[in-house]
Amino acid sequence: MPKEEKKTVARPLCLEMRDAKAEIVGSVNNAIQKRGLPCYILRGILEEILTSVKDVEKNEIAAAEQQYAAALQEEEKK
């Protein structure tokens, strides 16, 4: 008798985005309360973080493009 595979239901991206946003806002609010930094300083920190995220995003997109191109080449060989 074949082993049954459990199917997992993928959580909708919009729910993941909502929860991620709530976590980020919570973390920022915690940092504000814990550190007592003024918003003009926090803005600079957040801008640095956003720049880092954008850099990672560019790398992820480049990697996805390469993987997609490689998959297309493999498909064409068949």
PDB file of N, CA and C in Angstrom:
ATOM      1  N   MET A   1       0.840  -1.177   0.000  1.00  0.00           N
ATOM      2  CA  MET A   1       0.000   0.000   0.000  1.00  0.00           C
ATOM      3  C   MET A   1       0.894   1.252   0.000  1.00  0.00           C
ATOM      4  N   PRO A   2       0.691   2.180  -0.961  1.00  0.00           N
ATOM      5  CA  PRO A   2       1.544   3.372  -1.017  1.00  0.00           C
ATOM      6  C   PRO A   2       1.309   4.290   0.168  1.00  0.00           C
ATOM      7  N   LYS A   3       2.383   4.902   0.556  1.00  0.00           N
ATOM      8  CA  LYS A   3       2.320   5.843   1.677  1.00  0.00           C
ATOM      9  C   LYS A   3       1.617   7.125   1.212  1.00  0.00           C
ATOM     10  N   GLU A   4       0.653   7.558   1.994  1.00  0.00           N
ATOM     11  CA  GLU A   4      -0.074   8.776   1.644  1.00  0.00           C
ATOM     12  C   GLU A   4       0.749  10.002   2.017  1.00  0.00           C
ATOM     13  N   GLU A   5       0.800  10.947   1.080  1.00  0.00           N
ATOM     14  CA  GLU A   5       1.499  12.192   1.347  1.00  0.00           C
ATOM     15  C   GLU A   5       0.511  13.188   1.933  1.00  0.00           C
ATOM     16  N   LYS A   6       0.972  13.876   2.969  1.00  0.00           N
ATOM     17  CA  LYS A   6       0.132  14.913   3.547  1.00  0.00           C
ATOM     18  C   LYS A   6       0.212  16.150   2.668  1.00  0.00           C
ATOM     19  N   LYS A   7      -0.945  16.675   2.331  1.00  0.00           N
ATOM     20  CA  LYS A   7      -0.985  17.900   1.560  1.00  0.00           C
ATOM     21  C   LYS A   7      -1.066  19.069   2.523  1.00  0.00           C
ATOM     22  N   THR A   8      -0.232  20.048   2.280  1.00  0.00           N
ATOM     23  CA  THR A   8      -0.277  21.242   3.112  1.00  0.00           C
ATOM     24  C   THR A   8      -0.908  22.359   2.301  1.00  0.00           C
ATOM     25  N   VAL A   9      -1.709  23.116   2.966  1.00  0.00           N
ATOM     26  CA  VAL A   9      -2.364  24.237   2.328  1.00  0.00           C
ATOM     27  C   VAL A   9      -1.454  25.448   2.473  1.00  0.00           C
ATOM     28  N   ALA A  10      -1.129  26.042   1.343  1.00  0.00           N
ATOM     29  CA  ALA A  10      -0.259  27.216   1.360  1.00  0.00           C
ATOM     30  C   ALA A  10      -1.025  28.406   1.931  1.00  0.00           C
ATOM     31  N   ARG A  11      -0.382  29.107   2.822  1.00  0.00           N
ATOM     32  CA  ARG A  11      -0.994  30.292   3.421  1.00  0.00           C
ATOM     33  C   ARG A  11      -0.946  31.417   2.401  1.00  0.00           C
ATOM     34  N   PRO A  12      -2.036  32.134   2.207  1.00  0.00           N
ATOM     35  CA  PRO A  12      -2.044  33.215   1.218  1.00  0.00           C
ATOM     36  C   PRO A  12      -0.980  34.271   1.510  1.00  0.00           C
ATOM     37  N   LEU A  13      -0.362  34.743   0.439  1.00  0.00           N
ATOM     38  CA  LEU A  13       0.694  35.740   0.551  1.00  0.00           C
ATOM     39  C   LEU A  13       0.200  37.001   1.240  1.00  0.00           C
ATOM     40  N   CYS A  14      -1.038  37.402   0.976  1.00  0.00           N
ATOM     41  CA  CYS A  14      -1.553  38.628   1.602  1.00  0.00           C
ATOM     42  C   CYS A  14      -1.595  38.500   3.124  1.00  0.00           C
ATOM     43  N   LEU A  15      -1.852  37.309   3.638  1.00  0.00           N
ATOM     44  CA  LEU A  15      -1.850  37.104   5.088  1.00  0.00           C
ATOM     45  C   LEU A  15      -0.429  37.129   5.638  1.00  0.00           C
ATOM     46  N   GLU A  16       0.501  36.551   4.892  1.00  0.00           N
ATOM     47  CA  GLU A  16       1.906  36.594   5.308  1.00  0.00           C
ATOM     48  C   GLU A  16       2.399  38.037   5.334  1.00  0.00           C
ATOM     49  N   MET A  17       2.013  38.808   4.317  1.00  0.00           N
ATOM     50  CA  MET A  17       2.425  40.212   4.253  1.00  0.00           C
ATOM     51  C   MET A  17       1.849  41.005   5.420  1.00  0.00           C
ATOM     52  N   ARG A  18       0.578  40.778   5.718  1.00  0.00           N
ATOM     53  CA  ARG A  18      -0.070  41.479   6.826  1.00  0.00           C
ATOM     54  C   ARG A  18       0.631  41.174   8.142  1.00  0.00           C
ATOM     55  N   ASP A  19       0.922  39.894   8.362  1.00  0.00           N
ATOM     56  CA  ASP A  19       1.550  39.501   9.622  1.00  0.00           C
ATOM     57  C   ASP A  19       2.989  39.992   9.713  1.00  0.00           C
ATOM     58  N   ALA A  20       3.706  39.977   8.590  1.00  0.00           N
ATOM     59  CA  ALA A  20       5.077  40.488   8.585  1.00  0.00           C
ATOM     60  C   ALA A  20       5.082  41.980   8.914  1.00  0.00           C
ATOM     61  N   LYS A  21       4.153  42.704   8.323  1.00  0.00           N
ATOM     62  CA  LYS A  21       4.058  44.139   8.597  1.00  0.00           C
ATOM     63  C   LYS A  21       3.775  44.388  10.074  1.00  0.00           C
ATOM     64  N   ALA A  22       2.862  43.622  10.631  1.00  0.00           N
ATOM     65  CA  ALA A  22       2.532  43.780  12.054  1.00  0.00           C
ATOM     66  C   ALA A  22       3.747  43.487  12.927  1.00  0.00           C
ATOM     67  N   GLU A  23       4.524  42.465  12.574  1.00  0.00           N
ATOM     68  CA  GLU A  23       5.727  42.135  13.338  1.00  0.00           C
ATOM     69  C   GLU A  23       6.763  43.248  13.239  1.00  0.00           C
ATOM     70  N   ILE A  24       6.936  43.792  12.040  1.00  0.00           N
ATOM     71  CA  ILE A  24       7.915  44.872  11.852  1.00  0.00           C
ATOM     72  C   ILE A  24       7.495  46.109  12.632  1.00  0.00           C
ATOM     73  N   VAL A  25       6.231  46.469  12.534  1.00  0.00           N
ATOM     74  CA  VAL A  25       5.731  47.637  13.279  1.00  0.00           C
ATOM     75  C   VAL A  25       5.897  47.409  14.777  1.00  0.00           C
ATOM     76  N   GLY A  26       5.600  46.205  15.236  1.00  0.00           N
ATOM     77  CA  GLY A  26       5.782  45.880  16.649  1.00  0.00           C
ATOM     78  C   GLY A  26       7.230  46.010  17.084  1.00  0.00           C
ATOM     79  N   SER A  27       8.133  45.532  16.239  1.00  0.00           N
ATOM     80  CA  SER A  27       9.557  45.643  16.557  1.00  0.00           C
ATOM     81  C   SER A  27      10.020  47.092  16.609  1.00  0.00           C
ATOM     82  N   VAL A  28       9.554  47.897  15.657  1.00  0.00           N
ATOM     83  CA  VAL A  28       9.915  49.320  15.653  1.00  0.00           C
ATOM     84  C   VAL A  28       9.359  49.997  16.901  1.00  0.00           C
ATOM     85  N   ASN A  29       8.111  49.716  17.221  1.00  0.00           N
ATOM     86  CA  ASN A  29       7.512  50.316  18.421  1.00  0.00           C
ATOM     87  C   ASN A  29       8.257  49.899  19.689  1.00  0.00           C
ATOM     88  N   ASN A  30       8.660  48.637  19.757  1.00  0.00           N
ATOM     89  CA  ASN A  30       9.436  48.171  20.909  1.00  0.00           C
ATOM     90  C   ASN A  30      10.765  48.901  21.008  1.00  0.00           C
ATOM     91  N   ALA A  31      11.432  49.081  19.859  1.00  0.00           N
ATOM     92  CA  ALA A  31      12.713  49.789  19.855  1.00  0.00           C
ATOM     93  C   ALA A  31      12.529  51.240  20.288  1.00  0.00           C
ATOM     94  N   ILE A  32      11.461  51.873  19.840  1.00  0.00           N
ATOM     95  CA  ILE A  32      11.177  53.254  20.233  1.00  0.00           C
ATOM     96  C   ILE A  32      11.025  53.346  21.748  1.00  0.00           C
ATOM     97  N   GLN A  33      10.230  52.431  22.294  1.00  0.00           N
ATOM     98  CA  GLN A  33       9.990  52.452  23.749  1.00  0.00           C
ATOM     99  C   GLN A  33      11.237  52.089  24.535  1.00  0.00           C
ATOM    100  N   LYS A  34      11.962  51.069  24.079  1.00  0.00           N
ATOM    101  CA  LYS A  34      13.123  50.587  24.823  1.00  0.00           C
ATOM    102  C   LYS A  34      14.301  51.550  24.746  1.00  0.00           C
ATOM    103  N   ARG A  35      14.545  52.124  23.583  1.00  0.00           N
ATOM    104  CA  ARG A  35      15.727  52.961  23.364  1.00  0.00           C
ATOM    105  C   ARG A  35      15.470  54.440  23.567  1.00  0.00           C
ATOM    106  N   GLY A  36      14.228  54.850  23.429  1.00  0.00           N
ATOM    107  CA  GLY A  36      13.892  56.258  23.628  1.00  0.00           C
ATOM    108  C   GLY A  36      14.522  57.190  22.603  1.00  0.00           C
ATOM    109  N   LEU A  37      14.798  56.658  21.411  1.00  0.00           N
ATOM    110  CA  LEU A  37      15.406  57.485  20.376  1.00  0.00           C
ATOM    111  C   LEU A  37      14.346  58.352  19.696  1.00  0.00           C
ATOM    112  N   PRO A  38      14.729  59.548  19.319  1.00  0.00           N
ATOM    113  CA  PRO A  38      13.783  60.384  18.589  1.00  0.00           C
ATOM    114  C   PRO A  38      13.564  59.838  17.176  1.00  0.00           C
ATOM    115  N   CYS A  39      12.428  60.177  16.606  1.00  0.00           N
ATOM    116  CA  CYS A  39      12.060  59.642  15.291  1.00  0.00           C
ATOM    117  C   CYS A  39      13.033  60.038  14.186  1.00  0.00           C
ATOM    118  N   TYR A  40      13.660  61.219  14.288  1.00  0.00           N
ATOM    119  CA  TYR A  40      14.599  61.596  13.229  1.00  0.00           C
ATOM    120  C   TYR A  40      15.819  60.675  13.206  1.00  0.00           C
ATOM    121  N   ILE A  41      16.177  60.107  14.328  1.00  0.00           N
ATOM    122  CA  ILE A  41      17.269  59.127  14.360  1.00  0.00           C
ATOM    123  C   ILE A  41      16.762  57.772  13.880  1.00  0.00           C
ATOM    124  N   LEU A  42      15.573  57.396  14.316  1.00  0.00           N
ATOM    125  CA  LEU A  42      14.990  56.129  13.876  1.00  0.00           C
ATOM    126  C   LEU A  42      14.805  56.108  12.365  1.00  0.00           C
ATOM    127  N   ARG A  43      14.452  57.257  11.800  1.00  0.00           N
ATOM    128  CA  ARG A  43      14.284  57.331  10.350  1.00  0.00           C
ATOM    129  C   ARG A  43      15.578  56.945   9.647  1.00  0.00           C
ATOM    130  N   GLY A  44      16.701  57.461  10.116  1.00  0.00           N
ATOM    131  CA  GLY A  44      17.984  57.109   9.525  1.00  0.00           C
ATOM    132  C   GLY A  44      18.280  55.623   9.636  1.00  0.00           C
ATOM    133  N   ILE A  45      17.968  55.066  10.778  1.00  0.00           N
ATOM    134  CA  ILE A  45      18.182  53.630  10.985  1.00  0.00           C
ATOM    135  C   ILE A  45      17.311  52.832  10.026  1.00  0.00           C
ATOM    136  N   LEU A  46      16.046  53.217   9.922  1.00  0.00           N
ATOM    137  CA  LEU A  46      15.124  52.504   9.038  1.00  0.00           C
ATOM    138  C   LEU A  46      15.529  52.650   7.569  1.00  0.00           C
ATOM    139  N   GLU A  47      16.062  53.810   7.206  1.00  0.00           N
ATOM    140  CA  GLU A  47      16.535  53.993   5.830  1.00  0.00           C
ATOM    141  C   GLU A  47      17.707  53.072   5.528  1.00  0.00           C
ATOM    142  N   GLU A  48      18.605  52.897   6.493  1.00  0.00           N
ATOM    143  CA  GLU A  48      19.721  51.970   6.309  1.00  0.00           C
ATOM    144  C   GLU A  48      19.220  50.534   6.161  1.00  0.00           C
ATOM    145  N   ILE A  49      18.247  50.189   6.978  1.00  0.00           N
ATOM    146  CA  ILE A  49      17.676  48.840   6.900  1.00  0.00           C
ATOM    147  C   ILE A  49      17.005  48.637   5.545  1.00  0.00           C
ATOM    148  N   LEU A  50      16.256  49.642   5.096  1.00  0.00           N
ATOM    149  CA  LEU A  50      15.586  49.535   3.799  1.00  0.00           C
ATOM    150  C   LEU A  50      16.599  49.388   2.669  1.00  0.00           C
ATOM    151  N   THR A  51      17.694  50.097   2.736  1.00  0.00           N
ATOM    152  CA  THR A  51      18.741  49.967   1.721  1.00  0.00           C
ATOM    153  C   THR A  51      19.280  48.541   1.697  1.00  0.00           C
ATOM    154  N   SER A  52      19.493  47.959   2.868  1.00  0.00           N
ATOM    155  CA  SER A  52      19.966  46.574   2.943  1.00  0.00           C
ATOM    156  C   SER A  52      18.948  45.608   2.354  1.00  0.00           C
ATOM    157  N   VAL A  53      17.685  45.839   2.654  1.00  0.00           N
ATOM    158  CA  VAL A  53      16.619  44.979   2.124  1.00  0.00           C
ATOM    159  C   VAL A  53      16.574  45.088   0.597  1.00  0.00           C
ATOM    160  N   LYS A  54      16.728  46.300   0.080  1.00  0.00           N
ATOM    161  CA  LYS A  54      16.725  46.490  -1.368  1.00  0.00           C
ATOM    162  C   LYS A  54      17.891  45.758  -2.027  1.00  0.00           C
ATOM    163  N   ASP A  55      19.046  45.765  -1.380  1.00  0.00           N
ATOM    164  CA  ASP A  55      20.201  45.038  -1.913  1.00  0.00           C
ATOM    165  C   ASP A  55      19.927  43.538  -1.969  1.00  0.00           C
ATOM    166  N   VAL A  56      19.349  43.008  -0.904  1.00  0.00           N
ATOM    167  CA  VAL A  56      19.007  41.585  -0.875  1.00  0.00           C
ATOM    168  C   VAL A  56      17.955  41.271  -1.934  1.00  0.00           C
ATOM    169  N   GLU A  57      16.991  42.178  -2.086  1.00  0.00           N
ATOM    170  CA  GLU A  57      15.958  42.002  -3.113  1.00  0.00           C
ATOM    171  C   GLU A  57      16.593  41.884  -4.496  1.00  0.00           C
ATOM    172  N   LYS A  58      17.526  42.760  -4.812  1.00  0.00           N
ATOM    173  CA  LYS A  58      18.194  42.723  -6.112  1.00  0.00           C
ATOM    174  C   LYS A  58      18.895  41.385  -6.321  1.00  0.00           C
ATOM    175  N   ASN A  59      19.558  40.897  -5.273  1.00  0.00           N
ATOM    176  CA  ASN A  59      20.242  39.601  -5.362  1.00  0.00           C
ATOM    177  C   ASN A  59      19.248  38.463  -5.571  1.00  0.00           C
ATOM    178  N   GLU A  60      18.114  38.512  -4.870  1.00  0.00           N
ATOM    179  CA  GLU A  60      17.093  37.476  -5.019  1.00  0.00           C
ATOM    180  C   GLU A  60      16.529  37.467  -6.431  1.00  0.00           C
ATOM    181  N   ILE A  61      16.276  38.658  -6.983  1.00  0.00           N
ATOM    182  CA  ILE A  61      15.735  38.747  -8.335  1.00  0.00           C
ATOM    183  C   ILE A  61      16.748  38.224  -9.348  1.00  0.00           C
ATOM    184  N   ALA A  62      17.999  38.595  -9.184  1.00  0.00           N
ATOM    185  CA  ALA A  62      19.039  38.115 -10.098  1.00  0.00           C
ATOM    186  C   ALA A  62      19.147  36.589 -10.040  1.00  0.00           C
ATOM    187  N   ALA A  63      19.101  36.034  -8.844  1.00  0.00           N
ATOM    188  CA  ALA A  63      19.179  34.578  -8.693  1.00  0.00           C
ATOM    189  C   ALA A  63      17.958  33.908  -9.321  1.00  0.00           C
ATOM    190  N   ALA A  64      16.784  34.482  -9.128  1.00  0.00           N
ATOM    191  CA  ALA A  64      15.564  33.916  -9.710  1.00  0.00           C
ATOM    192  C   ALA A  64      15.625  33.962 -11.237  1.00  0.00           C
ATOM    193  N   GLU A  65      16.136  35.059 -11.792  1.00  0.00           N
ATOM    194  CA  GLU A  65      16.277  35.168 -13.246  1.00  0.00           C
ATOM    195  C   GLU A  65      17.225  34.104 -13.779  1.00  0.00           C
ATOM    196  N   GLN A  66      18.336  33.891 -13.075  1.00  0.00           N
ATOM    197  CA  GLN A  66      19.297  32.872 -13.504  1.00  0.00           C
ATOM    198  C   GLN A  66      18.692  31.472 -13.431  1.00  0.00           C
ATOM    199  N   GLN A  67      17.989  31.196 -12.347  1.00  0.00           N
ATOM    200  CA  GLN A  67      17.365  29.878 -12.195  1.00  0.00           C
ATOM    201  C   GLN A  67      16.309  29.650 -13.269  1.00  0.00           C
ATOM    202  N   TYR A  68      15.535  30.686 -13.561  1.00  0.00           N
ATOM    203  CA  TYR A  68      14.499  30.580 -14.577  1.00  0.00           C
ATOM    204  C   TYR A  68      15.119  30.345 -15.951  1.00  0.00           C
ATOM    205  N   ALA A  69      16.155  31.110 -16.278  1.00  0.00           N
ATOM    206  CA  ALA A  69      16.831  30.944 -17.564  1.00  0.00           C
ATOM    207  C   ALA A  69      17.414  29.535 -17.691  1.00  0.00           C
ATOM    208  N   ALA A  70      18.006  29.039 -16.622  1.00  0.00           N
ATOM    209  CA  ALA A  70      18.567  27.685 -16.640  1.00  0.00           C
ATOM    210  C   ALA A  70      17.473  26.642 -16.826  1.00  0.00           C
ATOM    211  N   ALA A  71      16.340  26.841 -16.162  1.00  0.00           N
ATOM    212  CA  ALA A  71      15.227  25.903 -16.300  1.00  0.00           C
ATOM    213  C   ALA A  71      14.675  25.917 -17.724  1.00  0.00           C
ATOM    214  N   LEU A  72      14.606  27.105 -18.325  1.00  0.00           N
ATOM    215  CA  LEU A  72      14.142  27.186 -19.715  1.00  0.00           C
ATOM    216  C   LEU A  72      15.096  26.474 -20.658  1.00  0.00           C
ATOM    217  N   GLN A  73      16.391  26.640 -20.428  1.00  0.00           N
ATOM    218  CA  GLN A  73      17.384  25.959 -21.262  1.00  0.00           C
ATOM    219  C   GLN A  73      17.261  24.447 -21.120  1.00  0.00           C
ATOM    220  N   GLU A  74      17.055  23.975 -19.907  1.00  0.00           N
ATOM    221  CA  GLU A  74      16.885  22.543 -19.673  1.00  0.00           C
ATOM    222  C   GLU A  74      15.638  22.034 -20.385  1.00  0.00           C
ATOM    223  N   GLU A  75      14.587  22.812 -20.334  1.00  0.00           N
ATOM    224  CA  GLU A  75      13.316  22.424 -20.976  1.00  0.00           C
ATOM    225  C   GLU A  75      13.488  22.354 -22.489  1.00  0.00           C
ATOM    226  N   GLU A  76      14.250  23.276 -23.053  1.00  0.00           N
ATOM    227  CA  GLU A  76      14.475  23.294 -24.503  1.00  0.00           C
ATOM    228  C   GLU A  76      15.287  22.075 -24.962  1.00  0.00           C
ATOM    229  N   LYS A  77      16.142  21.550 -24.091  1.00  0.00           N
ATOM    230  CA  LYS A  77      16.967  20.393 -24.421  1.00  0.00           C
ATOM    231  C   LYS A  77      16.127  19.116 -24.542  1.00  0.00           C
ATOM    232  N   LYS A  78      14.972  19.112 -23.917  1.00  0.00           N
ATOM    233  CA  LYS A  78      14.131  17.907 -23.900  1.00  0.00           C
ATOM    234  C   LYS A  78      13.405  17.712 -25.202  1.00  0.00           C
TER     235      LYS A  78
END
